[in-house]
């Protein structure tokens, strides 16, 4: 976008914040006309970019090409920010009518009318062009695998209208980096990457069910489906189940890379962290759910350290 977009908001006004917004620091230095675009791409909420990045990083680390491939990690980090932002813009365009009916989302820039749909599409294209630059840095096999996710990404916003398990679809989409990182680092595709993808899928099922607990009342009113609604009073047990399968998949990935029982010791810290999330989660408290959801940035780091240790062995 070559010139600052216009805004219908007074220059000295601030966009209403969602509970998990971190609008501070450099975001406050943006011109008022750009603030809504930063919010639209969730630049005030970096947790989503971290959660998209970590499976990419795990895959590169487990492939065993670090520390030499730190530049690749930086490219994947940039791609995670850009494509997570693009996905959020697309989701807000598709969901603008539903978002307007939900307390936590009704002040999003498109749902509230502060950013027009046409300008949101322009911003989406801009972010996708950044993603294209990142894509072109990868080997051809990694490029082809990355492009394979586009249909899943395009369908995701509609899943909450179709199935009680939109979190499963997000699990397929948000963990695709596990399939991309390995060939990006090695130029080939191997079984540990697939096992890593499976473990990451169940990780997403766990943390996004926690996230969905914040919206159960509004979702029931507007008719939106989620795993939190489907599980109901069994949500905590379901999350424990999902995290258990995540550990199985992650353990399989480590074992396939290095068949030594000691590799499982690397998952003890993350297992304890998952246990903390489950034991201390209050399903009726949105603040509790949000805190445990956001703690998965740390869980991702713990898994990265295990993958790095095994990949470097």
C-alpha atoms as a PDB file:
ATOM      1  CA  UNK A   1       0.000   0.000   0.000  1.00  0.00           C
ATOM      2  CA  UNK A   2       1.661   3.198  -1.171  1.00  0.00           C
ATOM      3  CA  UNK A   3      -0.122   5.763   0.964  1.00  0.00           C
ATOM      4  CA  UNK A   4      -1.582   5.738   4.478  1.00  0.00           C
ATOM      5  CA  UNK A   5      -5.186   4.509   4.469  1.00  0.00           C
ATOM      6  CA  UNK A   6      -7.893   6.790   5.634  1.00  0.00           C
ATOM      7  CA  UNK A   7      -9.691   6.266   8.932  1.00  0.00           C
ATOM      8  CA  UNK A   8     -13.093   7.365  10.122  1.00  0.00           C
ATOM      9  CA  UNK A   9     -11.826   7.536  13.710  1.00  0.00           C
ATOM     10  CA  UNK A  10     -10.694  10.854  15.188  1.00  0.00           C
ATOM     11  CA  UNK A  11      -6.876  11.129  15.165  1.00  0.00           C
ATOM     12  CA  UNK A  12      -6.606  11.189  18.956  1.00  0.00           C
ATOM     13  CA  UNK A  13      -8.935   8.237  19.547  1.00  0.00           C
ATOM     14  CA  UNK A  14      -7.762   4.747  20.331  1.00  0.00           C
ATOM     15  CA  UNK A  15      -9.282   1.572  18.937  1.00  0.00           C
ATOM     16  CA  UNK A  16     -11.215  -0.376  21.566  1.00  0.00           C
ATOM     17  CA  UNK A  17      -9.052  -3.197  22.864  1.00  0.00           C
ATOM     18  CA  UNK A  18      -9.882  -6.868  23.154  1.00  0.00           C
ATOM     19  CA  UNK A  19      -8.899  -8.533  26.449  1.00  0.00           C
ATOM     20  CA  UNK A  20      -5.732 -10.099  25.021  1.00  0.00           C
ATOM     21  CA  UNK A  21      -4.549  -7.007  23.150  1.00  0.00           C
ATOM     22  CA  UNK A  22      -1.066  -5.700  23.883  1.00  0.00           C
ATOM     23  CA  UNK A  23      -1.421  -2.313  22.228  1.00  0.00           C
ATOM     24  CA  UNK A  24       1.560  -0.524  23.651  1.00  0.00           C
ATOM     25  CA  UNK A  25       5.106   0.404  22.725  1.00  0.00           C
ATOM     26  CA  UNK A  26       5.739   0.862  19.030  1.00  0.00           C
ATOM     27  CA  UNK A  27       2.051   0.458  18.104  1.00  0.00           C
ATOM     28  CA  UNK A  28       1.315   3.731  19.867  1.00  0.00           C
ATOM     29  CA  UNK A  29       3.818   5.449  17.573  1.00  0.00           C
ATOM     30  CA  UNK A  30       1.828   4.572  14.455  1.00  0.00           C
ATOM     31  CA  UNK A  31      -0.219   7.293  12.733  1.00  0.00           C
ATOM     32  CA  UNK A  32      -3.862   7.031  13.767  1.00  0.00           C
ATOM     33  CA  UNK A  33      -4.831   6.015  10.230  1.00  0.00           C
ATOM     34  CA  UNK A  34      -2.594   2.932  10.418  1.00  0.00           C
ATOM     35  CA  UNK A  35      -3.542   1.692  13.868  1.00  0.00           C
ATOM     36  CA  UNK A  36      -6.633  -0.171  12.750  1.00  0.00           C
ATOM     37  CA  UNK A  37      -4.591  -2.011  10.116  1.00  0.00           C
ATOM     38  CA  UNK A  38      -2.119  -3.120  12.751  1.00  0.00           C
ATOM     39  CA  UNK A  39      -5.029  -4.333  14.867  1.00  0.00           C
ATOM     40  CA  UNK A  40      -6.584  -6.040  11.855  1.00  0.00           C
ATOM     41  CA  UNK A  41      -3.386  -8.069  11.352  1.00  0.00           C
ATOM     42  CA  UNK A  42      -3.265  -8.701  15.141  1.00  0.00           C
ATOM     43  CA  UNK A  43       0.133  -7.046  15.461  1.00  0.00           C
ATOM     44  CA  UNK A  44      -0.984  -6.071  18.955  1.00  0.00           C
ATOM     45  CA  UNK A  45      -1.432  -9.773  19.791  1.00  0.00           C
ATOM     46  CA  UNK A  46       1.797 -11.548  18.776  1.00  0.00           C
ATOM     47  CA  UNK A  47       0.855 -14.855  20.410  1.00  0.00           C
ATOM     48  CA  UNK A  48      -0.729 -16.071  17.163  1.00  0.00           C
ATOM     49  CA  UNK A  49       2.463 -15.437  15.197  1.00  0.00           C
ATOM     50  CA  UNK A  50       4.447 -17.338  17.818  1.00  0.00           C
ATOM     51  CA  UNK A  51       2.060 -20.295  17.644  1.00  0.00           C
ATOM     52  CA  UNK A  52       2.328 -20.366  13.842  1.00  0.00           C
ATOM     53  CA  UNK A  53       6.115 -20.049  13.949  1.00  0.00           C
ATOM     54  CA  UNK A  54       6.931 -22.711  16.517  1.00  0.00           C
ATOM     55  CA  UNK A  55       6.105 -25.804  14.393  1.00  0.00           C
ATOM     56  CA  UNK A  56       8.329 -24.357  11.645  1.00  0.00           C
ATOM     57  CA  UNK A  57      11.134 -23.867  14.149  1.00  0.00           C
ATOM     58  CA  UNK A  58      10.699 -27.340  15.665  1.00  0.00           C
ATOM     59  CA  UNK A  59      11.029 -28.910  12.234  1.00  0.00           C
ATOM     60  CA  UNK A  60      14.196 -27.007  11.351  1.00  0.00           C
ATOM     61  CA  UNK A  61      15.700 -27.758  14.766  1.00  0.00           C
ATOM     62  CA  UNK A  62      14.884 -31.471  14.581  1.00  0.00           C
ATOM     63  CA  UNK A  63      16.286 -31.674  11.050  1.00  0.00           C
ATOM     64  CA  UNK A  64      19.666 -30.939  12.620  1.00  0.00           C
ATOM     65  CA  UNK A  65      20.751 -27.975  10.487  1.00  0.00           C
ATOM     66  CA  UNK A  66      21.062 -25.462  13.324  1.00  0.00           C
ATOM     67  CA  UNK A  67      22.915 -23.313  14.242  1.00  0.00           C
ATOM     68  CA  UNK A  68      23.886 -22.886  10.604  1.00  0.00           C
ATOM     69  CA  UNK A  69      20.294 -22.233   9.491  1.00  0.00           C
ATOM     70  CA  UNK A  70      19.415 -19.307  11.771  1.00  0.00           C
ATOM     71  CA  UNK A  71      18.750 -17.175   8.672  1.00  0.00           C
ATOM     72  CA  UNK A  72      16.084 -19.681   7.637  1.00  0.00           C
ATOM     73  CA  UNK A  73      14.439 -19.332  11.040  1.00  0.00           C
ATOM     74  CA  UNK A  74      14.322 -15.554  10.595  1.00  0.00           C
ATOM     75  CA  UNK A  75      12.664 -15.910   7.194  1.00  0.00           C
ATOM     76  CA  UNK A  76      10.130 -18.342   8.651  1.00  0.00           C
ATOM     77  CA  UNK A  77       9.483 -15.935  11.519  1.00  0.00           C
ATOM     78  CA  UNK A  78       8.765 -13.110   9.058  1.00  0.00           C
ATOM     79  CA  UNK A  79       6.502 -15.411   7.072  1.00  0.00           C
ATOM     80  CA  UNK A  80       4.656 -16.399  10.239  1.00  0.00           C
ATOM     81  CA  UNK A  81       3.924 -12.770  11.120  1.00  0.00           C
ATOM     82  CA  UNK A  82       2.823 -11.900   7.586  1.00  0.00           C
ATOM     83  CA  UNK A  83       0.688 -14.967   6.939  1.00  0.00           C
ATOM     84  CA  UNK A  84      -0.862 -15.002  10.394  1.00  0.00           C
ATOM     85  CA  UNK A  85      -1.780 -11.374   9.767  1.00  0.00           C
ATOM     86  CA  UNK A  86      -3.181 -12.214   6.342  1.00  0.00           C
ATOM     87  CA  UNK A  87      -5.205 -15.065   7.810  1.00  0.00           C
ATOM     88  CA  UNK A  88      -6.653 -12.788  10.475  1.00  0.00           C
ATOM     89  CA  UNK A  89      -7.642 -10.169   7.894  1.00  0.00           C
ATOM     90  CA  UNK A  90      -9.310 -12.842   5.749  1.00  0.00           C
ATOM     91  CA  UNK A  91     -11.075 -14.290   8.783  1.00  0.00           C
ATOM     92  CA  UNK A  92     -12.363 -10.834   9.771  1.00  0.00           C
ATOM     93  CA  UNK A  93     -13.668 -10.173   6.273  1.00  0.00           C
ATOM     94  CA  UNK A  94     -15.556 -13.466   6.190  1.00  0.00           C
ATOM     95  CA  UNK A  95     -16.754 -13.246   9.815  1.00  0.00           C
ATOM     96  CA  UNK A  96     -17.602  -9.544   9.973  1.00  0.00           C
ATOM     97  CA  UNK A  97     -21.327 -10.155  10.557  1.00  0.00           C
ATOM     98  CA  UNK A  98     -20.724 -12.814  13.227  1.00  0.00           C
ATOM     99  CA  UNK A  99     -18.017 -10.730  14.893  1.00  0.00           C
ATOM    100  CA  UNK A 100     -20.455  -7.844  15.246  1.00  0.00           C
ATOM    101  CA  UNK A 101     -22.654 -10.066  17.446  1.00  0.00           C
ATOM    102  CA  UNK A 102     -19.915 -11.256  19.841  1.00  0.00           C
ATOM    103  CA  UNK A 103     -18.777  -9.054  22.727  1.00  0.00           C
ATOM    104  CA  UNK A 104     -15.081  -9.933  22.388  1.00  0.00           C
ATOM    105  CA  UNK A 105     -14.964  -9.297  18.628  1.00  0.00           C
ATOM    106  CA  UNK A 106     -17.558  -6.631  17.828  1.00  0.00           C
ATOM    107  CA  UNK A 107     -14.941  -3.854  17.952  1.00  0.00           C
ATOM    108  CA  UNK A 108     -12.671  -5.459  15.380  1.00  0.00           C
ATOM    109  CA  UNK A 109     -11.901  -2.941  12.607  1.00  0.00           C
ATOM    110  CA  UNK A 110     -13.992  -4.551   9.858  1.00  0.00           C
ATOM    111  CA  UNK A 111     -16.894  -5.665  12.069  1.00  0.00           C
ATOM    112  CA  UNK A 112     -17.163  -2.168  13.553  1.00  0.00           C
ATOM    113  CA  UNK A 113     -16.938  -0.470  10.163  1.00  0.00           C
ATOM    114  CA  UNK A 114     -13.729   1.436  10.924  1.00  0.00           C
ATOM    115  CA  UNK A 115     -12.034  -0.337   7.991  1.00  0.00           C
ATOM    116  CA  UNK A 116     -13.983  -1.028   4.804  1.00  0.00           C
ATOM    117  CA  UNK A 117     -14.031  -4.487   3.240  1.00  0.00           C
ATOM    118  CA  UNK A 118     -12.307  -3.116   0.129  1.00  0.00           C
ATOM    119  CA  UNK A 119      -9.412  -1.700   2.155  1.00  0.00           C
ATOM    120  CA  UNK A 120      -9.192  -4.883   4.196  1.00  0.00           C
ATOM    121  CA  UNK A 121      -8.728  -6.857   0.947  1.00  0.00           C
ATOM    122  CA  UNK A 122      -5.955  -4.440  -0.093  1.00  0.00           C
ATOM    123  CA  UNK A 123      -4.206  -4.970   3.242  1.00  0.00           C
ATOM    124  CA  UNK A 124      -4.619  -8.748   2.874  1.00  0.00           C
ATOM    125  CA  UNK A 125      -2.938  -8.677  -0.536  1.00  0.00           C
ATOM    126  CA  UNK A 126      -0.068  -6.591   0.856  1.00  0.00           C
ATOM    127  CA  UNK A 127       0.570  -9.134   3.613  1.00  0.00           C
ATOM    128  CA  UNK A 128       0.392 -12.001   1.116  1.00  0.00           C
ATOM    129  CA  UNK A 129       3.063 -10.300  -1.000  1.00  0.00           C
ATOM    130  CA  UNK A 130       5.343 -10.315   2.051  1.00  0.00           C
ATOM    131  CA  UNK A 131       4.578 -14.011   2.419  1.00  0.00           C
ATOM    132  CA  UNK A 132       5.463 -14.517  -1.254  1.00  0.00           C
ATOM    133  CA  UNK A 133       8.880 -12.957  -0.712  1.00  0.00           C
ATOM    134  CA  UNK A 134       9.481 -15.439   2.111  1.00  0.00           C
ATOM    135  CA  UNK A 135       8.218 -18.346   0.004  1.00  0.00           C
ATOM    136  CA  UNK A 136      10.722 -17.560  -2.728  1.00  0.00           C
ATOM    137  CA  UNK A 137      13.588 -17.984  -0.246  1.00  0.00           C
ATOM    138  CA  UNK A 138      12.713 -21.672   0.243  1.00  0.00           C
ATOM    139  CA  UNK A 139      13.703 -24.743  -1.818  1.00  0.00           C
ATOM    140  CA  UNK A 140      11.182 -25.877  -4.433  1.00  0.00           C
ATOM    141  CA  UNK A 141       9.911 -28.828  -2.394  1.00  0.00           C
ATOM    142  CA  UNK A 142       9.257 -26.599   0.620  1.00  0.00           C
ATOM    143  CA  UNK A 143       7.545 -24.057  -1.649  1.00  0.00           C
ATOM    144  CA  UNK A 144       5.228 -26.723  -3.071  1.00  0.00           C
ATOM    145  CA  UNK A 145       4.322 -28.034   0.392  1.00  0.00           C
ATOM    146  CA  UNK A 146       3.684 -24.516   1.685  1.00  0.00           C
ATOM    147  CA  UNK A 147       1.345 -23.747  -1.209  1.00  0.00           C
ATOM    148  CA  UNK A 148      -0.570 -26.932  -0.403  1.00  0.00           C
ATOM    149  CA  UNK A 149      -1.991 -25.269   2.689  1.00  0.00           C
ATOM    150  CA  UNK A 150      -3.839 -22.511   0.831  1.00  0.00           C
ATOM    151  CA  UNK A 151      -7.086 -24.440   0.320  1.00  0.00           C
ATOM    152  CA  UNK A 152      -7.189 -25.352   4.022  1.00  0.00           C
ATOM    153  CA  UNK A 153      -6.561 -21.728   4.986  1.00  0.00           C
ATOM    154  CA  UNK A 154      -9.310 -20.464   2.683  1.00  0.00           C
ATOM    155  CA  UNK A 155     -11.858 -22.912   4.135  1.00  0.00           C
ATOM    156  CA  UNK A 156     -11.048 -22.356   7.807  1.00  0.00           C
ATOM    157  CA  UNK A 157     -13.345 -19.367   8.597  1.00  0.00           C
ATOM    158  CA  UNK A 158     -16.359 -21.375   7.434  1.00  0.00           C
ATOM    159  CA  UNK A 159     -15.665 -24.404   9.631  1.00  0.00           C
ATOM    160  CA  UNK A 160     -17.284 -22.920  12.746  1.00  0.00           C
ATOM    161  CA  UNK A 161     -20.543 -22.875  10.778  1.00  0.00           C
ATOM    162  CA  UNK A 162     -20.213 -26.490   9.615  1.00  0.00           C
ATOM    163  CA  UNK A 163     -18.648 -28.596  12.364  1.00  0.00           C
ATOM    164  CA  UNK A 164     -18.374 -28.702  16.135  1.00  0.00           C
ATOM    165  CA  UNK A 165     -14.641 -29.164  15.646  1.00  0.00           C
ATOM    166  CA  UNK A 166     -13.278 -26.076  13.854  1.00  0.00           C
ATOM    167  CA  UNK A 167     -10.278 -26.411  16.154  1.00  0.00           C
ATOM    168  CA  UNK A 168      -9.362 -29.588  14.249  1.00  0.00           C
ATOM    169  CA  UNK A 169      -9.305 -27.642  10.984  1.00  0.00           C
ATOM    170  CA  UNK A 170      -7.150 -24.988  12.622  1.00  0.00           C
ATOM    171  CA  UNK A 171      -4.869 -27.802  13.753  1.00  0.00           C
ATOM    172  CA  UNK A 172      -4.367 -28.826  10.132  1.00  0.00           C
ATOM    173  CA  UNK A 173      -3.657 -25.235   9.083  1.00  0.00           C
ATOM    174  CA  UNK A 174      -1.673 -23.729  11.927  1.00  0.00           C
ATOM    175  CA  UNK A 175       0.834 -26.581  12.134  1.00  0.00           C
ATOM    176  CA  UNK A 176       1.648 -26.753   8.419  1.00  0.00           C
ATOM    177  CA  UNK A 177       5.029 -25.227   9.177  1.00  0.00           C
ATOM    178  CA  UNK A 178       6.117 -28.573  10.648  1.00  0.00           C
ATOM    179  CA  UNK A 179       5.825 -30.003   7.127  1.00  0.00           C
ATOM    180  CA  UNK A 180       7.590 -27.010   5.565  1.00  0.00           C
ATOM    181  CA  UNK A 181      10.515 -26.515   7.943  1.00  0.00           C
ATOM    182  CA  UNK A 182      12.138 -29.910   7.383  1.00  0.00           C
ATOM    183  CA  UNK A 183      12.352 -29.719   3.562  1.00  0.00           C
ATOM    184  CA  UNK A 184      13.258 -26.035   3.846  1.00  0.00           C
ATOM    185  CA  UNK A 185      16.289 -27.097   5.886  1.00  0.00           C
ATOM    186  CA  UNK A 186      17.204 -30.357   4.136  1.00  0.00           C
ATOM    187  CA  UNK A 187      15.656 -30.254   0.658  1.00  0.00           C
ATOM    188  CA  UNK A 188      13.798 -33.511   1.305  1.00  0.00           C
ATOM    189  CA  UNK A 189      10.833 -34.805   3.284  1.00  0.00           C
ATOM    190  CA  UNK A 190      11.242 -37.410   6.057  1.00  0.00           C
ATOM    191  CA  UNK A 191       8.970 -39.223   8.524  1.00  0.00           C
ATOM    192  CA  UNK A 192       9.935 -37.209  11.623  1.00  0.00           C
ATOM    193  CA  UNK A 193       8.327 -34.137  10.041  1.00  0.00           C
ATOM    194  CA  UNK A 194       5.030 -35.997   9.633  1.00  0.00           C
ATOM    195  CA  UNK A 195       5.100 -37.194  13.250  1.00  0.00           C
ATOM    196  CA  UNK A 196       5.904 -33.640  14.340  1.00  0.00           C
ATOM    197  CA  UNK A 197       2.905 -32.408  12.355  1.00  0.00           C
ATOM    198  CA  UNK A 198       0.671 -34.934  14.123  1.00  0.00           C
ATOM    199  CA  UNK A 199       1.920 -33.873  17.550  1.00  0.00           C
ATOM    200  CA  UNK A 200       1.474 -30.195  16.685  1.00  0.00           C
ATOM    201  CA  UNK A 201      -2.083 -30.890  15.492  1.00  0.00           C
ATOM    202  CA  UNK A 202      -3.110 -32.173  18.927  1.00  0.00           C
ATOM    203  CA  UNK A 203      -1.296 -29.277  20.577  1.00  0.00           C
ATOM    204  CA  UNK A 204      -3.501 -26.871  18.618  1.00  0.00           C
ATOM    205  CA  UNK A 205      -6.594 -28.877  19.552  1.00  0.00           C
ATOM    206  CA  UNK A 206      -5.690 -28.352  23.200  1.00  0.00           C
ATOM    207  CA  UNK A 207      -4.793 -24.684  23.228  1.00  0.00           C
ATOM    208  CA  UNK A 208      -7.538 -23.569  20.843  1.00  0.00           C
ATOM    209  CA  UNK A 209     -10.167 -25.365  22.906  1.00  0.00           C
ATOM    210  CA  UNK A 210      -8.869 -23.352  25.859  1.00  0.00           C
ATOM    211  CA  UNK A 211      -9.163 -20.183  23.766  1.00  0.00           C
ATOM    212  CA  UNK A 212     -12.719 -21.074  22.724  1.00  0.00           C
ATOM    213  CA  UNK A 213     -13.792 -21.242  26.378  1.00  0.00           C
ATOM    214  CA  UNK A 214     -13.817 -17.426  26.374  1.00  0.00           C
ATOM    215  CA  UNK A 215     -16.675 -17.297  23.856  1.00  0.00           C
ATOM    216  CA  UNK A 216     -18.991 -20.171  24.784  1.00  0.00           C
ATOM    217  CA  UNK A 217     -21.920 -17.955  25.825  1.00  0.00           C
ATOM    218  CA  UNK A 218     -21.744 -15.690  22.775  1.00  0.00           C
ATOM    219  CA  UNK A 219     -21.142 -18.644  20.453  1.00  0.00           C
ATOM    220  CA  UNK A 220     -24.297 -20.329  21.707  1.00  0.00           C
ATOM    221  CA  UNK A 221     -26.315 -17.178  21.045  1.00  0.00           C
ATOM    222  CA  UNK A 222     -25.087 -16.614  17.472  1.00  0.00           C
ATOM    223  CA  UNK A 223     -24.979 -20.310  16.558  1.00  0.00           C
ATOM    224  CA  UNK A 224     -21.220 -20.670  16.163  1.00  0.00           C
ATOM    225  CA  UNK A 225     -19.766 -24.127  16.887  1.00  0.00           C
ATOM    226  CA  UNK A 226     -16.584 -25.006  18.769  1.00  0.00           C
ATOM    227  CA  UNK A 227     -14.888 -27.890  20.554  1.00  0.00           C
ATOM    228  CA  UNK A 228     -15.437 -26.068  23.856  1.00  0.00           C
ATOM    229  CA  UNK A 229     -19.202 -26.067  23.275  1.00  0.00           C
ATOM    230  CA  UNK A 230     -19.193 -29.665  22.075  1.00  0.00           C
ATOM    231  CA  UNK A 231     -17.245 -30.910  25.087  1.00  0.00           C
ATOM    232  CA  UNK A 232     -19.187 -28.795  27.577  1.00  0.00           C
ATOM    233  CA  UNK A 233     -18.479 -29.909  31.143  1.00  0.00           C
ATOM    234  CA  UNK A 234     -15.855 -32.322  29.811  1.00  0.00           C
ATOM    235  CA  UNK A 235     -13.700 -29.547  28.335  1.00  0.00           C
ATOM    236  CA  UNK A 236     -10.841 -29.922  30.815  1.00  0.00           C
ATOM    237  CA  UNK A 237     -10.738 -33.691  30.305  1.00  0.00           C
ATOM    238  CA  UNK A 238     -10.805 -33.171  26.547  1.00  0.00           C
ATOM    239  CA  UNK A 239      -7.907 -30.718  26.708  1.00  0.00           C
ATOM    240  CA  UNK A 240      -5.907 -33.219  28.782  1.00  0.00           C
ATOM    241  CA  UNK A 241      -6.662 -35.864  26.150  1.00  0.00           C
ATOM    242  CA  UNK A 242      -5.490 -33.564  23.335  1.00  0.00           C
ATOM    243  CA  UNK A 243      -2.273 -32.662  25.121  1.00  0.00           C
ATOM    244  CA  UNK A 244      -1.596 -36.325  25.833  1.00  0.00           C
ATOM    245  CA  UNK A 245      -1.795 -37.140  22.130  1.00  0.00           C
ATOM    246  CA  UNK A 246       0.410 -34.118  21.390  1.00  0.00           C
ATOM    247  CA  UNK A 247       3.110 -35.619  23.584  1.00  0.00           C
ATOM    248  CA  UNK A 248       2.762 -38.976  21.803  1.00  0.00           C
ATOM    249  CA  UNK A 249       3.235 -37.352  18.392  1.00  0.00           C
ATOM    250  CA  UNK A 250       6.131 -35.210  19.551  1.00  0.00           C
ATOM    251  CA  UNK A 251       7.766 -38.207  21.206  1.00  0.00           C
ATOM    252  CA  UNK A 252       7.412 -40.219  18.000  1.00  0.00           C
ATOM    253  CA  UNK A 253       9.101 -37.416  16.027  1.00  0.00           C
ATOM    254  CA  UNK A 254      12.057 -37.350  18.417  1.00  0.00           C
ATOM    255  CA  UNK A 255      12.329 -41.139  18.367  1.00  0.00           C
ATOM    256  CA  UNK A 256      12.267 -41.301  14.565  1.00  0.00           C
ATOM    257  CA  UNK A 257      15.144 -38.835  14.480  1.00  0.00           C
ATOM    258  CA  UNK A 258      17.123 -40.526  17.257  1.00  0.00           C
ATOM    259  CA  UNK A 259      15.859 -43.924  18.537  1.00  0.00           C
ATOM    260  CA  UNK A 260      17.099 -43.600  22.092  1.00  0.00           C
ATOM    261  CA  UNK A 261      14.842 -43.674  25.183  1.00  0.00           C
ATOM    262  CA  UNK A 262      16.645 -40.616  26.512  1.00  0.00           C
ATOM    263  CA  UNK A 263      14.960 -38.428  23.880  1.00  0.00           C
ATOM    264  CA  UNK A 264      11.707 -38.646  25.824  1.00  0.00           C
ATOM    265  CA  UNK A 265      13.349 -36.861  28.762  1.00  0.00           C
ATOM    266  CA  UNK A 266      13.364 -33.744  26.607  1.00  0.00           C
ATOM    267  CA  UNK A 267       9.574 -33.673  26.723  1.00  0.00           C
ATOM    268  CA  UNK A 268       9.300 -33.762  30.521  1.00  0.00           C
ATOM    269  CA  UNK A 269       9.307 -29.934  30.871  1.00  0.00           C
ATOM    270  CA  UNK A 270       6.535 -29.473  28.315  1.00  0.00           C
ATOM    271  CA  UNK A 271       4.541 -32.353  29.831  1.00  0.00           C
ATOM    272  CA  UNK A 272       4.698 -30.589  33.199  1.00  0.00           C
ATOM    273  CA  UNK A 273       3.657 -27.337  31.569  1.00  0.00           C
ATOM    274  CA  UNK A 274       0.657 -29.002  29.924  1.00  0.00           C
ATOM    275  CA  UNK A 275      -0.230 -30.512  33.293  1.00  0.00           C
ATOM    276  CA  UNK A 276      -0.141 -27.059  34.881  1.00  0.00           C
ATOM    277  CA  UNK A 277      -2.487 -25.730  32.215  1.00  0.00           C
ATOM    278  CA  UNK A 278      -5.006 -28.517  32.719  1.00  0.00           C
ATOM    279  CA  UNK A 279      -4.912 -28.632  36.525  1.00  0.00           C
ATOM    280  CA  UNK A 280      -5.206 -24.876  37.030  1.00  0.00           C
ATOM    281  CA  UNK A 281      -7.646 -24.068  34.223  1.00  0.00           C
ATOM    282  CA  UNK A 282     -11.004 -22.646  35.293  1.00  0.00           C
ATOM    283  CA  UNK A 283     -13.331 -23.189  32.293  1.00  0.00           C
ATOM    284  CA  UNK A 284     -15.774 -20.562  33.545  1.00  0.00           C
ATOM    285  CA  UNK A 285     -13.123 -17.844  33.873  1.00  0.00           C
ATOM    286  CA  UNK A 286     -12.167 -16.151  30.620  1.00  0.00           C
ATOM    287  CA  UNK A 287      -9.066 -14.614  32.182  1.00  0.00           C
ATOM    288  CA  UNK A 288      -7.868 -18.049  33.303  1.00  0.00           C
ATOM    289  CA  UNK A 289      -8.426 -19.459  29.814  1.00  0.00           C
ATOM    290  CA  UNK A 290      -6.635 -16.563  28.127  1.00  0.00           C
ATOM    291  CA  UNK A 291      -3.614 -16.815  30.395  1.00  0.00           C
ATOM    292  CA  UNK A 292      -3.217 -20.544  29.774  1.00  0.00           C
ATOM    293  CA  UNK A 293      -3.749 -20.129  26.055  1.00  0.00           C
ATOM    294  CA  UNK A 294      -1.031 -17.487  25.857  1.00  0.00           C
ATOM    295  CA  UNK A 295       1.334 -19.632  27.933  1.00  0.00           C
ATOM    296  CA  UNK A 296       1.658 -21.903  24.907  1.00  0.00           C
ATOM    297  CA  UNK A 297       4.258 -19.510  23.548  1.00  0.00           C
ATOM    298  CA  UNK A 298       6.456 -20.877  26.355  1.00  0.00           C
ATOM    299  CA  UNK A 299       5.329 -24.437  25.636  1.00  0.00           C
ATOM    300  CA  UNK A 300       6.490 -23.942  22.046  1.00  0.00           C
ATOM    301  CA  UNK A 301       9.902 -22.835  23.293  1.00  0.00           C
ATOM    302  CA  UNK A 302      10.203 -25.925  25.488  1.00  0.00           C
ATOM    303  CA  UNK A 303       9.422 -28.175  22.514  1.00  0.00           C
ATOM    304  CA  UNK A 304      11.909 -26.259  20.372  1.00  0.00           C
ATOM    305  CA  UNK A 305      14.633 -26.883  22.945  1.00  0.00           C
ATOM    306  CA  UNK A 306      13.863 -30.619  22.952  1.00  0.00           C
ATOM    307  CA  UNK A 307      13.918 -30.728  19.139  1.00  0.00           C
ATOM    308  CA  UNK A 308      17.162 -28.764  19.026  1.00  0.00           C
ATOM    309  CA  UNK A 309      18.841 -31.092  21.517  1.00  0.00           C
ATOM    310  CA  UNK A 310      17.814 -34.220  19.600  1.00  0.00           C
ATOM    311  CA  UNK A 311      18.507 -32.718  16.192  1.00  0.00           C
ATOM    312  CA  UNK A 312      21.986 -31.660  17.275  1.00  0.00           C
ATOM    313  CA  UNK A 313      22.865 -35.009  18.875  1.00  0.00           C
END
